[in-house]
Amino acid sequence: MNRRLSHRPCGLVWIGLLVWTALAPGAASATRYAGEFLRIGVGARALGMGSAFVGLADDGTASYWNPAGLATLPGREVTAMHAEQFGSIVQYDYLSYVMPVGAPEKSRQTVGISLVRLGVSDIPDTRGLEIIDQNGNGKFDYPEDLLVVDESRFVFDSDNDVALLFSYARDVRPGLSVGGNFKYIRQWLGDDLRSNGFGIDLGALYVGHGGLSMGATLRDATTTRILWNTGTSEFIAPSLRVGAAKTVAFRERRHTITGALDVQVGFSDELLSAQAHLGSVTFEFHPGLEYWLDRRLALRAGFEAQNFTAGAGFRYRKIGLDYAFLDHRDLDASHRISGSYSF
């Protein structure tokens, strides 16, 4: 990875302070769990590391994790992912294209476009469903074991959530890059419900000496509004994710080990899903490890909150293939596969 270094990490510190100050006002009006599909994560490499990727962000999935990382990529890259979530109940897909722009002698700049999609099929719609007893009477005061549901009247719908991200990143000084996403959100639920929304993500990444890097991403910086065709609105609260990574190489760089840690900071009072909290501010921890042999074969492990993750990767010339496994304490395991091509 061709990254320029700096002796001055203070730029990222100042950006972090500004991000923290900007977060407080927007969360009060947020809708809990709005836009939740955008928190699942993309790229089997990052997901195999427990989603500890904000402080690394050195491949085509940086547009999702930390758009500032796009400025460190040496060339164009196409990335695609397919995930079977929770025993194939949920289908989750990602596709991105990133491309450096501008003159080589000037500050490095990169643009990208990404698509995130979540789909759930065969959702039973029970609204207006008639509940009858075993004698065919439409009464509702019988014990539960005497009631039956007329399943022939089931209506099955599907849910599709899509986000389109337009990304830009650039170097602002040696070792420090910034970037952002403009995102459009579109949701369909059955034949009747539709929504549209727009949001902005901001990111910063510092790459220092000795394989150390640090990053921060402020998602939904302006509090993303999602407007439904019913006239109701939902608001996605800003959230801050900070991370750091340290890479160490051994034996003439044949063996490379990276340790990473992300901390997801939320401001929506989601205490039940958090590992720690300070008042209404919640914290989730994402530690991860990655080992490379000759930059060809990789093994990964981590924890996404309280769930174990693992994965493997393979690189041959410009082609990459990755797999990730996510265990879950309450639901079935999830499997993710992604591929990339650099040129």
Protein backbone atom coordinates (compact mmCIF):
# COMPACT_ATOMS: atom_id res chain seq x y z
CA MET A 1 0.00 0.00 0.00
CA ASN A 2 1.47 3.27 -1.12
CA ARG A 3 0.72 5.76 1.63
CA ARG A 4 2.54 8.93 2.49
CA LEU A 5 3.57 9.45 6.06
CA SER A 6 3.55 12.37 8.45
CA HIS A 7 4.95 13.32 11.83
CA ARG A 8 1.84 15.30 12.73
CA PRO A 9 -1.30 13.44 13.79
CA CYS A 10 -2.73 16.62 15.33
CA GLY A 11 -4.88 17.27 12.23
CA LEU A 12 -6.96 14.18 12.97
CA VAL A 13 -7.26 15.17 16.62
CA TRP A 14 -8.75 18.53 15.67
CA ILE A 15 -11.14 16.89 13.23
CA GLY A 16 -12.22 14.45 15.94
CA LEU A 17 -12.96 17.31 18.31
CA LEU A 18 -15.02 19.10 15.68
CA VAL A 19 -16.94 15.90 14.91
CA TRP A 20 -17.70 15.33 18.59
CA THR A 21 -18.98 18.88 18.97
CA ALA A 22 -21.19 18.56 15.89
CA LEU A 23 -22.92 15.38 17.06
CA ALA A 24 -24.85 16.57 20.07
CA PRO A 25 -27.72 18.60 18.55
CA GLY A 26 -29.08 16.08 16.00
CA ALA A 27 -29.73 12.97 18.04
CA ALA A 28 -32.67 14.28 20.05
CA SER A 29 -35.08 14.14 17.10
CA ALA A 30 -33.78 10.83 15.69
CA THR A 31 -35.98 7.77 15.10
CA ARG A 32 -34.60 4.71 16.85
CA TYR A 33 -33.29 2.07 14.40
CA ALA A 34 -34.10 4.14 11.31
CA GLY A 35 -31.89 3.19 8.35
CA GLU A 36 -30.63 0.14 10.25
CA PHE A 37 -29.64 -1.70 7.06
CA LEU A 38 -26.76 0.74 6.60
CA ARG A 39 -25.12 -0.48 9.80
CA ILE A 40 -24.62 -4.11 8.73
CA GLY A 41 -21.26 -3.53 7.06
CA VAL A 42 -19.75 -4.42 3.69
CA GLY A 43 -16.76 -6.36 2.37
CA ALA A 44 -15.92 -9.85 3.61
CA ARG A 45 -12.40 -8.72 4.53
CA ALA A 46 -13.58 -6.05 6.96
CA LEU A 47 -16.44 -8.19 8.27
CA GLY A 48 -14.12 -11.10 8.97
CA MET A 49 -12.11 -8.73 11.19
CA GLY A 50 -15.14 -7.91 13.31
CA SER A 51 -15.81 -4.74 11.27
CA ALA A 52 -12.67 -3.12 12.68
CA PHE A 53 -11.90 -1.16 9.53
CA VAL A 54 -12.35 2.59 10.06
CA GLY A 55 -8.70 3.01 11.05
CA LEU A 56 -7.50 0.85 8.13
CA ALA A 57 -9.81 1.60 5.17
CA ASP A 58 -7.28 0.59 2.53
CA ASP A 59 -9.43 -1.09 -0.14
CA GLY A 60 -12.50 -0.37 -2.25
CA THR A 61 -14.90 -0.74 0.68
CA ALA A 62 -13.45 2.43 2.22
CA SER A 63 -16.33 4.36 0.66
CA TYR A 64 -18.55 2.67 3.27
CA TRP A 65 -16.22 2.42 6.27
CA ASN A 66 -14.23 5.63 5.95
CA PRO A 67 -14.38 7.57 2.67
CA ALA A 68 -11.09 9.32 3.49
CA GLY A 69 -9.32 6.00 2.90
CA LEU A 70 -10.12 6.19 -0.81
CA ALA A 71 -7.36 8.80 -1.22
CA THR A 72 -4.75 6.15 -0.28
CA LEU A 73 -5.68 3.69 -3.04
CA PRO A 74 -3.07 3.39 -5.80
CA GLY A 75 -5.53 2.75 -8.64
CA ARG A 76 -9.05 1.89 -9.73
CA GLU A 77 -10.91 -0.90 -8.01
CA VAL A 78 -14.23 -2.72 -8.40
CA THR A 79 -15.65 -4.54 -5.36
CA ALA A 80 -18.74 -6.73 -5.05
CA MET A 81 -20.21 -8.60 -2.08
CA HIS A 82 -23.10 -10.95 -1.44
CA ALA A 83 -24.18 -11.97 2.06
CA GLU A 84 -26.65 -14.53 3.37
CA GLN A 85 -27.78 -13.06 6.68
CA PHE A 86 -29.23 -15.11 9.54
CA GLY A 87 -29.80 -18.39 7.74
CA SER A 88 -30.54 -16.82 4.32
CA ILE A 89 -33.52 -14.86 5.63
CA VAL A 90 -31.92 -11.58 4.53
CA GLN A 91 -30.06 -10.96 1.27
CA TYR A 92 -27.43 -8.23 1.46
CA ASP A 93 -25.38 -6.95 -1.49
CA TYR A 94 -22.73 -4.33 -2.15
CA LEU A 95 -21.15 -3.03 -5.35
CA SER A 96 -18.60 -0.22 -5.70
CA TYR A 97 -16.25 1.42 -8.19
CA VAL A 98 -13.49 3.83 -7.12
CA MET A 99 -11.11 5.80 -9.32
CA PRO A 100 -8.24 8.24 -8.62
CA VAL A 101 -8.57 11.56 -10.44
CA GLY A 102 -6.42 14.65 -10.95
CA ALA A 103 -2.83 15.19 -12.00
CA PRO A 104 -0.23 12.82 -10.47
CA GLU A 105 1.95 15.68 -9.19
CA LYS A 106 -0.91 17.22 -7.20
CA SER A 107 -2.64 16.06 -4.02
CA ARG A 108 -4.18 12.64 -4.53
CA GLN A 109 -7.93 12.67 -5.12
CA THR A 110 -10.36 9.78 -5.57
CA VAL A 111 -14.03 9.51 -6.48
CA GLY A 112 -16.32 6.53 -6.10
CA ILE A 113 -19.86 5.26 -6.42
CA SER A 114 -21.35 2.46 -4.30
CA LEU A 115 -24.64 0.61 -4.04
CA VAL A 116 -25.88 -1.09 -0.86
CA ARG A 117 -28.99 -3.27 -0.99
CA LEU A 118 -30.91 -5.30 1.60
CA GLY A 119 -33.79 -7.54 0.58
CA VAL A 120 -36.23 -9.73 2.51
CA SER A 121 -38.75 -11.85 0.59
CA ASP A 122 -41.93 -13.72 1.57
CA ILE A 123 -42.95 -11.51 4.47
CA PRO A 124 -46.50 -12.53 5.55
CA ASP A 125 -48.90 -9.59 5.72
CA THR A 126 -51.48 -10.48 8.39
CA ARG A 127 -53.34 -7.17 8.41
CA GLY A 128 -57.06 -7.85 8.20
CA LEU A 129 -56.52 -11.59 8.59
CA GLU A 130 -59.64 -13.38 9.89
CA ILE A 131 -59.14 -15.49 13.01
CA ILE A 132 -61.77 -18.18 13.47
CA ASP A 133 -62.41 -21.04 15.86
CA GLN A 134 -62.46 -24.68 14.84
CA ASN A 135 -66.22 -24.52 14.18
CA GLY A 136 -65.79 -21.72 11.67
CA ASN A 137 -67.05 -18.95 13.91
CA GLY A 138 -65.33 -15.60 13.71
CA LYS A 139 -65.12 -15.16 17.44
CA PHE A 140 -62.09 -13.99 19.40
CA ASP A 141 -62.83 -14.97 23.00
CA TYR A 142 -61.87 -18.63 22.81
CA PRO A 143 -58.71 -20.07 24.36
CA GLU A 144 -55.70 -19.79 22.12
CA ASP A 145 -55.44 -23.54 21.46
CA LEU A 146 -58.92 -23.50 19.85
CA LEU A 147 -58.12 -20.71 17.40
CA VAL A 148 -56.84 -21.34 13.89
CA VAL A 149 -55.56 -19.01 11.22
CA ASP A 150 -56.83 -19.21 7.67
CA GLU A 151 -53.41 -19.38 6.00
CA SER A 152 -54.94 -19.46 2.52
CA ARG A 153 -55.59 -15.75 2.95
CA PHE A 154 -51.96 -14.89 3.64
CA VAL A 155 -50.48 -12.14 1.48
CA PHE A 156 -46.70 -12.22 1.07
CA ASP A 157 -44.74 -9.02 0.50
CA SER A 158 -41.09 -8.12 0.18
CA ASP A 159 -38.88 -5.41 1.62
CA ASN A 160 -36.06 -3.71 -0.27
CA ASP A 161 -33.74 -1.07 1.17
CA VAL A 162 -31.23 0.60 -1.17
CA ALA A 163 -28.57 3.25 -0.63
CA LEU A 164 -26.52 4.90 -3.38
CA LEU A 165 -23.28 6.55 -2.21
CA PHE A 166 -21.27 9.13 -4.14
CA SER A 167 -17.81 9.47 -2.58
CA TYR A 168 -14.91 11.91 -2.78
CA ALA A 169 -11.58 11.89 -0.93
CA ARG A 170 -8.31 13.80 -1.07
CA ASP A 171 -5.01 14.30 0.73
CA VAL A 172 -4.81 17.49 2.78
CA ARG A 173 -1.23 16.97 3.93
CA PRO A 174 1.24 14.08 3.88
CA GLY A 175 -0.31 11.20 5.79
CA LEU A 176 -3.68 12.88 6.38
CA SER A 177 -6.68 12.51 4.08
CA VAL A 178 -10.34 13.51 4.34
CA GLY A 179 -13.41 12.39 2.45
CA GLY A 180 -17.17 12.27 2.37
CA ASN A 181 -20.26 10.56 0.97
CA PHE A 182 -23.46 11.99 -0.38
CA LYS A 183 -26.04 9.21 -0.11
CA TYR A 184 -29.51 8.65 -1.46
CA ILE A 185 -31.74 6.16 0.38
CA ARG A 186 -34.75 4.43 -1.16
CA GLN A 187 -36.99 1.89 0.59
CA TRP A 188 -39.91 -0.27 -0.62
CA LEU A 189 -42.21 -2.27 1.65
CA GLY A 190 -44.83 -4.25 -0.25
CA ASP A 191 -46.74 -2.45 -2.97
CA ASP A 192 -47.86 0.50 -0.90
CA LEU A 193 -45.04 1.96 1.20
CA ARG A 194 -42.20 4.01 -0.29
CA SER A 195 -39.57 6.29 1.19
CA ASN A 196 -36.75 8.58 0.08
CA GLY A 197 -33.91 10.10 2.05
CA PHE A 198 -30.65 11.98 1.66
CA GLY A 199 -27.62 12.06 3.94
CA ILE A 200 -23.96 12.98 4.30
CA ASP A 201 -21.03 11.04 5.79
CA LEU A 202 -17.64 12.53 6.66
CA GLY A 203 -14.35 10.80 7.30
CA ALA A 204 -10.69 11.40 8.17
CA LEU A 205 -7.70 9.04 8.08
CA TYR A 206 -4.15 9.50 9.38
CA VAL A 207 -1.36 7.11 8.34
CA GLY A 208 1.75 7.38 10.47
CA HIS A 209 5.13 5.73 10.86
CA GLY A 210 5.62 2.12 11.89
CA GLY A 211 2.39 0.76 10.40
CA LEU A 212 0.10 2.82 12.65
CA SER A 213 -3.07 4.38 11.28
CA MET A 214 -6.08 6.09 12.85
CA GLY A 215 -9.45 7.09 11.44
CA ALA A 216 -12.82 8.57 12.26
CA THR A 217 -16.15 8.52 10.41
CA LEU A 218 -19.16 10.70 11.17
CA ARG A 219 -22.20 9.11 9.56
CA ASP A 220 -25.40 11.02 8.84
CA ALA A 221 -23.63 14.20 9.85
CA THR A 222 -26.66 16.42 9.28
CA THR A 223 -29.23 13.93 10.70
CA THR A 224 -30.57 12.07 7.66
CA ARG A 225 -34.29 12.48 7.04
CA ILE A 226 -36.31 9.64 5.45
CA LEU A 227 -39.71 10.72 4.14
CA TRP A 228 -42.41 8.06 3.56
CA ASN A 229 -45.27 8.37 1.11
CA THR A 230 -47.66 8.20 4.08
CA GLY A 231 -46.45 11.66 5.11
CA THR A 232 -44.46 10.42 8.11
CA SER A 233 -40.73 11.04 8.53
CA GLU A 234 -37.88 9.16 10.17
CA PHE A 235 -34.54 10.62 11.17
CA ILE A 236 -31.21 8.78 11.30
CA ALA A 237 -29.12 10.15 14.15
CA PRO A 238 -25.48 11.06 13.59
CA SER A 239 -23.07 8.41 14.82
CA LEU A 240 -19.33 8.51 15.33
CA ARG A 241 -16.99 5.61 14.65
CA VAL A 242 -13.31 5.86 15.55
CA GLY A 243 -10.65 3.26 14.92
CA ALA A 244 -6.95 2.48 14.96
CA ALA A 245 -4.82 -0.21 13.35
CA LYS A 246 -1.24 -1.39 13.76
CA THR A 247 0.56 -3.53 11.16
CA VAL A 248 3.75 -5.48 11.88
CA ALA A 249 5.78 -7.40 9.28
CA PHE A 250 8.17 -10.32 9.89
CA ARG A 251 10.82 -12.19 7.91
CA GLU A 252 11.28 -9.80 5.02
CA ARG A 253 7.56 -9.01 5.03
CA ARG A 254 6.52 -12.58 4.19
CA HIS A 255 4.34 -12.57 7.31
CA THR A 256 2.17 -9.57 8.14
CA ILE A 257 -0.12 -9.17 11.15
CA THR A 258 -2.58 -6.32 11.66
CA GLY A 259 -4.45 -5.63 14.87
CA ALA A 260 -7.36 -3.21 14.73
CA LEU A 261 -10.00 -1.78 17.03
CA ASP A 262 -13.12 0.24 16.17
CA VAL A 263 -15.43 1.92 18.66
CA GLN A 264 -18.95 2.75 17.49
CA VAL A 265 -20.38 5.71 19.40
CA GLY A 266 -24.16 6.19 19.21
CA PHE A 267 -26.39 9.01 20.37
CA SER A 268 -29.86 7.41 20.00
CA ASP A 269 -30.23 5.90 23.47
CA GLU A 270 -29.97 2.32 22.11
CA LEU A 271 -29.00 0.87 25.47
CA LEU A 272 -30.19 -2.69 24.84
CA SER A 273 -27.81 -3.29 21.92
CA ALA A 274 -24.81 -1.46 23.39
CA GLN A 275 -21.88 -2.98 25.26
CA ALA A 276 -21.40 0.12 27.38
CA HIS A 277 -23.04 3.48 27.80
CA LEU A 278 -22.53 6.85 29.39
CA GLY A 279 -26.00 8.28 29.89
CA SER A 280 -27.69 8.11 26.47
CA VAL A 281 -24.33 7.78 24.65
CA THR A 282 -23.67 4.14 23.71
CA PHE A 283 -20.50 2.26 22.80
CA GLU A 284 -19.86 -0.89 20.76
CA PHE A 285 -16.36 -2.37 20.49
CA HIS A 286 -15.04 -4.13 17.40
CA PRO A 287 -11.60 -5.77 17.77
CA GLY A 288 -10.07 -7.62 14.83
CA LEU A 289 -6.95 -9.42 13.61
CA GLU A 290 -5.62 -10.15 10.13
CA TYR A 291 -2.68 -12.33 9.10
CA TRP A 292 -1.18 -12.37 5.59
CA LEU A 293 1.25 -14.89 4.13
CA ASP A 294 3.20 -13.39 1.20
CA ARG A 295 0.28 -11.00 0.66
CA ARG A 296 -1.56 -13.90 -0.98
CA LEU A 297 -3.32 -15.87 1.74
CA ALA A 298 -5.07 -14.27 4.72
CA LEU A 299 -6.76 -15.44 7.91
CA ARG A 300 -8.97 -13.17 9.99
CA ALA A 301 -10.86 -13.13 13.28
CA GLY A 302 -12.65 -10.63 15.46
CA PHE A 303 -15.70 -9.73 17.46
CA GLU A 304 -18.59 -7.65 16.16
CA ALA A 305 -20.00 -6.44 19.45
CA GLN A 306 -20.52 -9.78 21.27
CA ASN A 307 -20.58 -12.01 18.17
CA PHE A 308 -17.52 -13.89 16.89
CA THR A 309 -16.36 -13.38 13.32
CA ALA A 310 -13.81 -15.20 11.18
CA GLY A 311 -12.69 -15.15 7.59
CA ALA A 312 -10.11 -15.91 4.94
CA GLY A 313 -8.81 -14.21 1.83
CA PHE A 314 -6.86 -14.89 -1.33
CA ARG A 315 -5.04 -12.54 -3.72
CA TYR A 316 -3.72 -13.38 -7.16
CA ARG A 317 -2.29 -10.50 -9.17
CA LYS A 318 -5.15 -7.99 -9.43
CA ILE A 319 -7.93 -10.30 -8.23
CA GLY A 320 -9.07 -10.70 -4.63
CA LEU A 321 -11.55 -13.12 -3.07
CA ASP A 322 -12.68 -13.02 0.57
CA TYR A 323 -15.03 -14.96 2.83
CA ALA A 324 -16.43 -14.00 6.25
CA PHE A 325 -18.44 -15.87 8.86
CA LEU A 326 -20.53 -14.19 11.55
CA ASP A 327 -21.79 -16.16 14.50
CA HIS A 328 -24.87 -14.88 16.34
CA ARG A 329 -26.06 -15.55 19.87
CA ASP A 330 -29.77 -15.52 18.98
CA LEU A 331 -30.07 -16.01 15.20
CA ASP A 332 -28.52 -18.30 12.60
CA ALA A 333 -25.00 -17.60 11.38
CA SER A 334 -24.31 -15.33 8.41
CA HIS A 335 -21.97 -15.95 5.48
CA ARG A 336 -20.43 -13.21 3.33
CA ILE A 337 -18.45 -13.52 0.08
CA SER A 338 -16.81 -10.63 -1.75
CA GLY A 339 -14.50 -10.18 -4.70
CA SER A 340 -12.39 -7.32 -5.99
CA TYR A 341 -10.46 -6.38 -9.11
CA SER A 342 -7.79 -3.66 -9.15
CA PHE A 343 -6.55 -2.01 -12.33
